[in-house]
């Protein structure tokens, strides 16, 4: 009998409105319908930023309401610390999971023992970037190409090498930092073009004030540049 695979799913949510709450509900519902629970078990943690709906629990999840200030990686780390399965999937809430997405994304992990991380194929976004469905795994580290920051699937053991996600990132550049970390450590990442998870694009971010959007986006690049420019050789001058 085939051994059941356990996957810890960490989903960040900000249910400021009924519409945004429904985005998370639809995400979780599509996830739970996507696989045979006898073959793949999802342990779902929803990290909810909207404290006014506490103690509401999204169905089939453990929903938590952290006291700490929001930070994308900070909240992801809370979920990571609560879980222990051999596979982790770090997710936005504005996702729709297609049937057997997890079955498909696990195939290259079983084929390539040196694969550390992967992203599923978004049928809305990736064709615009020149990728085709069911076109084999694509090795690479480009953001919004091979690395889809809205859904990162990885072996938990990878964190022994990378450390937990850098808490200094509130939102933007979190995926850039993840990609650069894999790249400098020579840890392989693939886009799995047979695993389908659609991203509905910034449903929560677009609901914020302009000032808050700026805080979560443009201001993040200052820290990213400070951390990575000298490590990757940007702005170096030959003497």
C-alpha atoms as a PDB file:
ATOM      1  CA  UNK A   1       0.000   0.000   0.000  1.00  0.00           C
ATOM      2  CA  UNK A   2       1.244   3.450  -0.933  1.00  0.00           C
ATOM      3  CA  UNK A   3       2.375   5.476   2.084  1.00  0.00           C
ATOM      4  CA  UNK A   4       0.335   8.598   2.789  1.00  0.00           C
ATOM      5  CA  UNK A   5       2.237  11.859   2.255  1.00  0.00           C
ATOM      6  CA  UNK A   6       1.795  14.703   4.725  1.00  0.00           C
ATOM      7  CA  UNK A   7       2.137  18.312   3.598  1.00  0.00           C
ATOM      8  CA  UNK A   8       1.982  21.340   5.874  1.00  0.00           C
ATOM      9  CA  UNK A   9       0.190  24.222   4.164  1.00  0.00           C
ATOM     10  CA  UNK A  10       0.712  27.729   5.591  1.00  0.00           C
ATOM     11  CA  UNK A  11      -1.755  30.320   4.249  1.00  0.00           C
ATOM     12  CA  UNK A  12      -1.632  34.024   5.114  1.00  0.00           C
ATOM     13  CA  UNK A  13      -5.012  35.775   5.167  1.00  0.00           C
ATOM     14  CA  UNK A  14      -6.329  39.290   5.837  1.00  0.00           C
ATOM     15  CA  UNK A  15     -10.129  39.097   5.930  1.00  0.00           C
ATOM     16  CA  UNK A  16     -10.811  42.828   6.198  1.00  0.00           C
ATOM     17  CA  UNK A  17     -14.029  42.413   4.218  1.00  0.00           C
ATOM     18  CA  UNK A  18     -16.480  39.611   3.492  1.00  0.00           C
ATOM     19  CA  UNK A  19     -15.079  39.501  -0.040  1.00  0.00           C
ATOM     20  CA  UNK A  20     -11.524  38.948   1.200  1.00  0.00           C
ATOM     21  CA  UNK A  21     -12.739  36.376   3.711  1.00  0.00           C
ATOM     22  CA  UNK A  22     -14.376  34.497   0.832  1.00  0.00           C
ATOM     23  CA  UNK A  23     -11.052  34.556  -1.054  1.00  0.00           C
ATOM     24  CA  UNK A  24      -9.489  32.541   1.779  1.00  0.00           C
ATOM     25  CA  UNK A  25     -12.514  30.230   2.042  1.00  0.00           C
ATOM     26  CA  UNK A  26     -12.370  29.510  -1.704  1.00  0.00           C
ATOM     27  CA  UNK A  27      -8.626  28.875  -1.452  1.00  0.00           C
ATOM     28  CA  UNK A  28      -9.012  26.354   1.382  1.00  0.00           C
ATOM     29  CA  UNK A  29     -12.017  24.658  -0.240  1.00  0.00           C
ATOM     30  CA  UNK A  30     -10.162  24.152  -3.525  1.00  0.00           C
ATOM     31  CA  UNK A  31      -7.163  22.799  -1.607  1.00  0.00           C
ATOM     32  CA  UNK A  32      -9.169  20.237   0.356  1.00  0.00           C
ATOM     33  CA  UNK A  33     -10.967  19.011  -2.775  1.00  0.00           C
ATOM     34  CA  UNK A  34      -7.767  18.702  -4.794  1.00  0.00           C
ATOM     35  CA  UNK A  35      -6.432  15.372  -3.503  1.00  0.00           C
ATOM     36  CA  UNK A  36      -7.552  12.008  -2.135  1.00  0.00           C
ATOM     37  CA  UNK A  37      -7.142  12.342   1.665  1.00  0.00           C
ATOM     38  CA  UNK A  38      -6.192   8.662   1.828  1.00  0.00           C
ATOM     39  CA  UNK A  39      -3.092   9.446  -0.248  1.00  0.00           C
ATOM     40  CA  UNK A  40      -2.189  13.024   0.687  1.00  0.00           C
ATOM     41  CA  UNK A  41      -2.918  14.690   4.015  1.00  0.00           C
ATOM     42  CA  UNK A  42      -2.917  18.473   4.205  1.00  0.00           C
ATOM     43  CA  UNK A  43      -2.222  20.057   7.600  1.00  0.00           C
ATOM     44  CA  UNK A  44      -3.515  23.579   7.031  1.00  0.00           C
ATOM     45  CA  UNK A  45      -2.556  26.571   9.156  1.00  0.00           C
ATOM     46  CA  UNK A  46      -4.265  29.865   8.299  1.00  0.00           C
ATOM     47  CA  UNK A  47      -2.482  32.851   9.810  1.00  0.00           C
ATOM     48  CA  UNK A  48      -5.211  35.501   9.936  1.00  0.00           C
ATOM     49  CA  UNK A  49      -4.390  39.203  10.308  1.00  0.00           C
ATOM     50  CA  UNK A  50      -7.970  40.416  10.818  1.00  0.00           C
ATOM     51  CA  UNK A  51      -8.392  40.151  14.584  1.00  0.00           C
ATOM     52  CA  UNK A  52     -12.045  41.283  14.560  1.00  0.00           C
ATOM     53  CA  UNK A  53     -13.223  37.881  13.259  1.00  0.00           C
ATOM     54  CA  UNK A  54     -11.489  35.935  16.056  1.00  0.00           C
ATOM     55  CA  UNK A  55     -12.170  33.124  17.064  1.00  0.00           C
ATOM     56  CA  UNK A  56     -13.516  32.200  13.608  1.00  0.00           C
ATOM     57  CA  UNK A  57     -11.924  29.030  12.195  1.00  0.00           C
ATOM     58  CA  UNK A  58     -11.764  28.377   8.464  1.00  0.00           C
ATOM     59  CA  UNK A  59     -13.092  24.884   7.810  1.00  0.00           C
ATOM     60  CA  UNK A  60     -10.467  22.095   7.733  1.00  0.00           C
ATOM     61  CA  UNK A  61      -7.798  24.416   9.149  1.00  0.00           C
ATOM     62  CA  UNK A  62      -6.239  25.584  12.346  1.00  0.00           C
ATOM     63  CA  UNK A  63      -6.730  29.350  12.185  1.00  0.00           C
ATOM     64  CA  UNK A  64      -4.499  31.499  14.374  1.00  0.00           C
ATOM     65  CA  UNK A  65      -4.473  35.222  15.156  1.00  0.00           C
ATOM     66  CA  UNK A  66      -0.924  36.352  16.029  1.00  0.00           C
ATOM     67  CA  UNK A  67      -0.322  39.233  18.418  1.00  0.00           C
ATOM     68  CA  UNK A  68       2.812  40.261  16.527  1.00  0.00           C
ATOM     69  CA  UNK A  69       2.854  42.979  13.864  1.00  0.00           C
ATOM     70  CA  UNK A  70       2.295  41.672  10.338  1.00  0.00           C
ATOM     71  CA  UNK A  71       5.275  40.663   8.277  1.00  0.00           C
ATOM     72  CA  UNK A  72       5.017  38.150   5.436  1.00  0.00           C
ATOM     73  CA  UNK A  73       7.973  36.099   6.589  1.00  0.00           C
ATOM     74  CA  UNK A  74       7.258  36.723  10.268  1.00  0.00           C
ATOM     75  CA  UNK A  75       3.786  35.204   9.913  1.00  0.00           C
ATOM     76  CA  UNK A  76       5.064  32.371   7.708  1.00  0.00           C
ATOM     77  CA  UNK A  77       7.602  31.520  10.404  1.00  0.00           C
ATOM     78  CA  UNK A  78       4.841  31.273  13.004  1.00  0.00           C
ATOM     79  CA  UNK A  79       3.148  28.648  10.839  1.00  0.00           C
ATOM     80  CA  UNK A  80       6.412  26.862  10.129  1.00  0.00           C
ATOM     81  CA  UNK A  81       7.178  26.611  13.849  1.00  0.00           C
ATOM     82  CA  UNK A  82       3.761  25.032  14.503  1.00  0.00           C
ATOM     83  CA  UNK A  83       4.247  22.238  11.961  1.00  0.00           C
ATOM     84  CA  UNK A  84       6.535  19.267  11.355  1.00  0.00           C
ATOM     85  CA  UNK A  85       5.657  17.423   8.105  1.00  0.00           C
ATOM     86  CA  UNK A  86       8.497  16.632   5.670  1.00  0.00           C
ATOM     87  CA  UNK A  87       7.009  18.958   3.028  1.00  0.00           C
ATOM     88  CA  UNK A  88       5.997  22.593   3.435  1.00  0.00           C
ATOM     89  CA  UNK A  89       3.934  24.796   1.147  1.00  0.00           C
ATOM     90  CA  UNK A  90       3.967  28.555   1.791  1.00  0.00           C
ATOM     91  CA  UNK A  91       0.909  30.188   0.230  1.00  0.00           C
ATOM     92  CA  UNK A  92      -0.919  33.422  -0.410  1.00  0.00           C
ATOM     93  CA  UNK A  93      -4.649  33.167   0.227  1.00  0.00           C
ATOM     94  CA  UNK A  94      -5.639  34.239  -3.308  1.00  0.00           C
ATOM     95  CA  UNK A  95      -4.999  30.804  -4.823  1.00  0.00           C
ATOM     96  CA  UNK A  96      -7.151  28.156  -6.469  1.00  0.00           C
ATOM     97  CA  UNK A  97      -5.740  24.622  -6.328  1.00  0.00           C
ATOM     98  CA  UNK A  98      -6.490  22.312  -9.257  1.00  0.00           C
ATOM     99  CA  UNK A  99      -7.082  18.553  -8.819  1.00  0.00           C
ATOM    100  CA  UNK A 100      -3.892  16.549  -8.160  1.00  0.00           C
ATOM    101  CA  UNK A 101      -1.627  19.580  -8.023  1.00  0.00           C
ATOM    102  CA  UNK A 102       0.240  18.051  -5.058  1.00  0.00           C
ATOM    103  CA  UNK A 103       0.503  14.612  -6.672  1.00  0.00           C
ATOM    104  CA  UNK A 104       2.134  16.260  -9.680  1.00  0.00           C
ATOM    105  CA  UNK A 105       4.497  18.522  -7.760  1.00  0.00           C
ATOM    106  CA  UNK A 106       5.757  15.550  -5.736  1.00  0.00           C
ATOM    107  CA  UNK A 107       6.791  13.622  -8.868  1.00  0.00           C
ATOM    108  CA  UNK A 108      10.034  15.568  -9.509  1.00  0.00           C
ATOM    109  CA  UNK A 109      10.908  15.397  -5.804  1.00  0.00           C
ATOM    110  CA  UNK A 110      10.808  11.610  -6.135  1.00  0.00           C
ATOM    111  CA  UNK A 111      12.718  11.687  -9.437  1.00  0.00           C
ATOM    112  CA  UNK A 112      15.458  14.142  -8.441  1.00  0.00           C
ATOM    113  CA  UNK A 113      16.885  13.610  -4.974  1.00  0.00           C
ATOM    114  CA  UNK A 114      18.716  16.959  -5.145  1.00  0.00           C
ATOM    115  CA  UNK A 115      15.525  18.970  -5.721  1.00  0.00           C
ATOM    116  CA  UNK A 116      14.920  21.278  -2.756  1.00  0.00           C
ATOM    117  CA  UNK A 117      12.074  23.538  -3.810  1.00  0.00           C
ATOM    118  CA  UNK A 118       9.385  23.976  -6.468  1.00  0.00           C
ATOM    119  CA  UNK A 119       6.475  26.129  -7.583  1.00  0.00           C
ATOM    120  CA  UNK A 120       3.294  25.016  -9.359  1.00  0.00           C
ATOM    121  CA  UNK A 121       2.185  26.378 -12.744  1.00  0.00           C
ATOM    122  CA  UNK A 122      -0.359  29.231 -12.790  1.00  0.00           C
ATOM    123  CA  UNK A 123      -2.601  28.828 -15.842  1.00  0.00           C
ATOM    124  CA  UNK A 124      -3.398  32.568 -15.710  1.00  0.00           C
ATOM    125  CA  UNK A 125       0.151  33.899 -15.410  1.00  0.00           C
ATOM    126  CA  UNK A 126       2.791  31.490 -16.672  1.00  0.00           C
ATOM    127  CA  UNK A 127       1.612  31.272 -20.317  1.00  0.00           C
ATOM    128  CA  UNK A 128       2.206  35.052 -20.517  1.00  0.00           C
ATOM    129  CA  UNK A 129       5.813  34.395 -19.485  1.00  0.00           C
ATOM    130  CA  UNK A 130       6.334  31.898 -22.300  1.00  0.00           C
ATOM    131  CA  UNK A 131       5.795  28.679 -20.352  1.00  0.00           C
ATOM    132  CA  UNK A 132       3.556  25.841 -21.545  1.00  0.00           C
ATOM    133  CA  UNK A 133       1.397  23.462 -19.533  1.00  0.00           C
ATOM    134  CA  UNK A 134       2.678  19.891 -19.158  1.00  0.00           C
ATOM    135  CA  UNK A 135       6.065  20.818 -20.624  1.00  0.00           C
ATOM    136  CA  UNK A 136       8.244  19.149 -18.011  1.00  0.00           C
ATOM    137  CA  UNK A 137       9.952  20.677 -14.959  1.00  0.00           C
ATOM    138  CA  UNK A 138      11.874  23.917 -15.516  1.00  0.00           C
ATOM    139  CA  UNK A 139      14.950  24.565 -13.392  1.00  0.00           C
ATOM    140  CA  UNK A 140      15.563  28.222 -12.526  1.00  0.00           C
ATOM    141  CA  UNK A 141      15.461  31.064 -10.014  1.00  0.00           C
ATOM    142  CA  UNK A 142      13.681  33.921 -11.821  1.00  0.00           C
ATOM    143  CA  UNK A 143      10.915  35.638  -9.861  1.00  0.00           C
ATOM    144  CA  UNK A 144       7.418  35.244 -11.365  1.00  0.00           C
ATOM    145  CA  UNK A 145       8.930  32.719 -13.757  1.00  0.00           C
ATOM    146  CA  UNK A 146      10.299  29.533 -12.204  1.00  0.00           C
ATOM    147  CA  UNK A 147       9.877  30.976  -8.708  1.00  0.00           C
ATOM    148  CA  UNK A 148       6.213  31.771  -8.042  1.00  0.00           C
ATOM    149  CA  UNK A 149       6.359  33.537  -4.698  1.00  0.00           C
ATOM    150  CA  UNK A 150       2.636  33.081  -4.110  1.00  0.00           C
ATOM    151  CA  UNK A 151       3.136  29.303  -3.743  1.00  0.00           C
ATOM    152  CA  UNK A 152       6.468  27.829  -2.635  1.00  0.00           C
ATOM    153  CA  UNK A 153       6.693  24.082  -2.067  1.00  0.00           C
ATOM    154  CA  UNK A 154       9.805  22.788  -0.329  1.00  0.00           C
ATOM    155  CA  UNK A 155      11.384  20.040   1.703  1.00  0.00           C
ATOM    156  CA  UNK A 156      11.401  21.033   5.364  1.00  0.00           C
ATOM    157  CA  UNK A 157      15.023  19.877   5.615  1.00  0.00           C
ATOM    158  CA  UNK A 158      15.993  22.766   3.326  1.00  0.00           C
ATOM    159  CA  UNK A 159      15.474  25.118   6.275  1.00  0.00           C
ATOM    160  CA  UNK A 160      18.477  23.509   7.990  1.00  0.00           C
ATOM    161  CA  UNK A 161      20.602  25.071   5.250  1.00  0.00           C
ATOM    162  CA  UNK A 162      18.750  28.302   4.507  1.00  0.00           C
ATOM    163  CA  UNK A 163      17.451  29.109   7.961  1.00  0.00           C
ATOM    164  CA  UNK A 164      13.874  30.271   8.358  1.00  0.00           C
ATOM    165  CA  UNK A 165      12.617  33.044   6.061  1.00  0.00           C
ATOM    166  CA  UNK A 166      14.129  36.464   6.847  1.00  0.00           C
ATOM    167  CA  UNK A 167      11.682  38.262   9.175  1.00  0.00           C
ATOM    168  CA  UNK A 168      12.788  41.698   7.941  1.00  0.00           C
ATOM    169  CA  UNK A 169      10.564  41.443   4.859  1.00  0.00           C
ATOM    170  CA  UNK A 170       7.008  42.644   5.417  1.00  0.00           C
ATOM    171  CA  UNK A 171       5.788  41.740   1.921  1.00  0.00           C
ATOM    172  CA  UNK A 172       7.640  42.679  -1.262  1.00  0.00           C
ATOM    173  CA  UNK A 173      11.019  41.100  -2.023  1.00  0.00           C
ATOM    174  CA  UNK A 174      10.255  38.092   0.184  1.00  0.00           C
ATOM    175  CA  UNK A 175      10.305  35.835  -2.886  1.00  0.00           C
ATOM    176  CA  UNK A 176      13.412  37.577  -4.265  1.00  0.00           C
ATOM    177  CA  UNK A 177      15.213  36.858  -1.008  1.00  0.00           C
ATOM    178  CA  UNK A 178      14.063  33.219  -1.056  1.00  0.00           C
ATOM    179  CA  UNK A 179      15.251  32.793  -4.649  1.00  0.00           C
ATOM    180  CA  UNK A 180      18.631  34.415  -4.015  1.00  0.00           C
ATOM    181  CA  UNK A 181      19.161  32.246  -0.942  1.00  0.00           C
ATOM    182  CA  UNK A 182      18.524  29.067  -2.939  1.00  0.00           C
ATOM    183  CA  UNK A 183      20.793  30.303  -5.722  1.00  0.00           C
ATOM    184  CA  UNK A 184      23.810  31.180  -3.555  1.00  0.00           C
ATOM    185  CA  UNK A 185      23.521  27.852  -1.719  1.00  0.00           C
ATOM    186  CA  UNK A 186      23.142  25.944  -5.016  1.00  0.00           C
ATOM    187  CA  UNK A 187      19.805  24.437  -3.955  1.00  0.00           C
ATOM    188  CA  UNK A 188      17.712  23.410  -6.946  1.00  0.00           C
ATOM    189  CA  UNK A 189      14.297  24.951  -7.613  1.00  0.00           C
ATOM    190  CA  UNK A 190      11.866  23.980 -10.381  1.00  0.00           C
ATOM    191  CA  UNK A 191       8.638  25.198 -11.917  1.00  0.00           C
ATOM    192  CA  UNK A 192       6.475  22.076 -12.274  1.00  0.00           C
ATOM    193  CA  UNK A 193       4.383  22.676 -15.386  1.00  0.00           C
ATOM    194  CA  UNK A 194       2.034  19.743 -14.713  1.00  0.00           C
ATOM    195  CA  UNK A 195       1.007  21.007 -11.253  1.00  0.00           C
ATOM    196  CA  UNK A 196      -1.657  23.713 -11.497  1.00  0.00           C
ATOM    197  CA  UNK A 197      -2.373  26.357  -8.857  1.00  0.00           C
ATOM    198  CA  UNK A 198      -3.878  29.618 -10.075  1.00  0.00           C
ATOM    199  CA  UNK A 199      -2.989  32.966  -8.507  1.00  0.00           C
ATOM    200  CA  UNK A 200      -5.727  35.606  -8.493  1.00  0.00           C
ATOM    201  CA  UNK A 201      -3.142  38.417  -8.105  1.00  0.00           C
ATOM    202  CA  UNK A 202      -2.899  40.707  -5.095  1.00  0.00           C
ATOM    203  CA  UNK A 203      -6.499  40.608  -3.882  1.00  0.00           C
ATOM    204  CA  UNK A 204      -5.438  41.705  -0.391  1.00  0.00           C
ATOM    205  CA  UNK A 205      -2.684  44.171  -1.367  1.00  0.00           C
ATOM    206  CA  UNK A 206      -4.962  46.075  -3.739  1.00  0.00           C
ATOM    207  CA  UNK A 207      -7.473  46.643  -0.927  1.00  0.00           C
ATOM    208  CA  UNK A 208      -4.927  48.601   1.176  1.00  0.00           C
ATOM    209  CA  UNK A 209      -4.388  52.369   1.260  1.00  0.00           C
ATOM    210  CA  UNK A 210      -1.744  53.822  -1.071  1.00  0.00           C
ATOM    211  CA  UNK A 211       0.451  54.586   1.949  1.00  0.00           C
ATOM    212  CA  UNK A 212       0.182  51.014   3.236  1.00  0.00           C
ATOM    213  CA  UNK A 213       0.867  49.587  -0.227  1.00  0.00           C
ATOM    214  CA  UNK A 214       4.030  51.707  -0.423  1.00  0.00           C
ATOM    215  CA  UNK A 215       5.162  50.469   2.998  1.00  0.00           C
ATOM    216  CA  UNK A 216       4.653  46.845   1.930  1.00  0.00           C
ATOM    217  CA  UNK A 217       6.226  47.218  -1.508  1.00  0.00           C
ATOM    218  CA  UNK A 218       8.657  49.966  -2.547  1.00  0.00           C
ATOM    219  CA  UNK A 219      10.184  50.459   0.904  1.00  0.00           C
ATOM    220  CA  UNK A 220      11.064  46.763   1.024  1.00  0.00           C
ATOM    221  CA  UNK A 221      13.591  47.177  -1.791  1.00  0.00           C
ATOM    222  CA  UNK A 222      15.858  49.292   0.437  1.00  0.00           C
ATOM    223  CA  UNK A 223      16.547  46.386   2.794  1.00  0.00           C
ATOM    224  CA  UNK A 224      16.769  43.897  -0.077  1.00  0.00           C
ATOM    225  CA  UNK A 225      19.400  45.980  -1.895  1.00  0.00           C
ATOM    226  CA  UNK A 226      21.382  46.467   1.301  1.00  0.00           C
ATOM    227  CA  UNK A 227      21.421  42.713   1.941  1.00  0.00           C
ATOM    228  CA  UNK A 228      22.047  41.405  -1.562  1.00  0.00           C
ATOM    229  CA  UNK A 229      23.815  43.922  -3.807  1.00  0.00           C
ATOM    230  CA  UNK A 230      27.301  43.266  -2.495  1.00  0.00           C
ATOM    231  CA  UNK A 231      26.670  39.509  -2.208  1.00  0.00           C
ATOM    232  CA  UNK A 232      25.652  39.215  -5.863  1.00  0.00           C
ATOM    233  CA  UNK A 233      28.284  41.609  -7.218  1.00  0.00           C
ATOM    234  CA  UNK A 234      25.915  44.409  -8.215  1.00  0.00           C
ATOM    235  CA  UNK A 235      27.520  47.872  -8.407  1.00  0.00           C
ATOM    236  CA  UNK A 236      30.997  46.413  -7.987  1.00  0.00           C
ATOM    237  CA  UNK A 237      33.763  48.429  -9.649  1.00  0.00           C
ATOM    238  CA  UNK A 238      36.716  46.721 -11.312  1.00  0.00           C
ATOM    239  CA  UNK A 239      40.056  48.173 -10.173  1.00  0.00           C
END
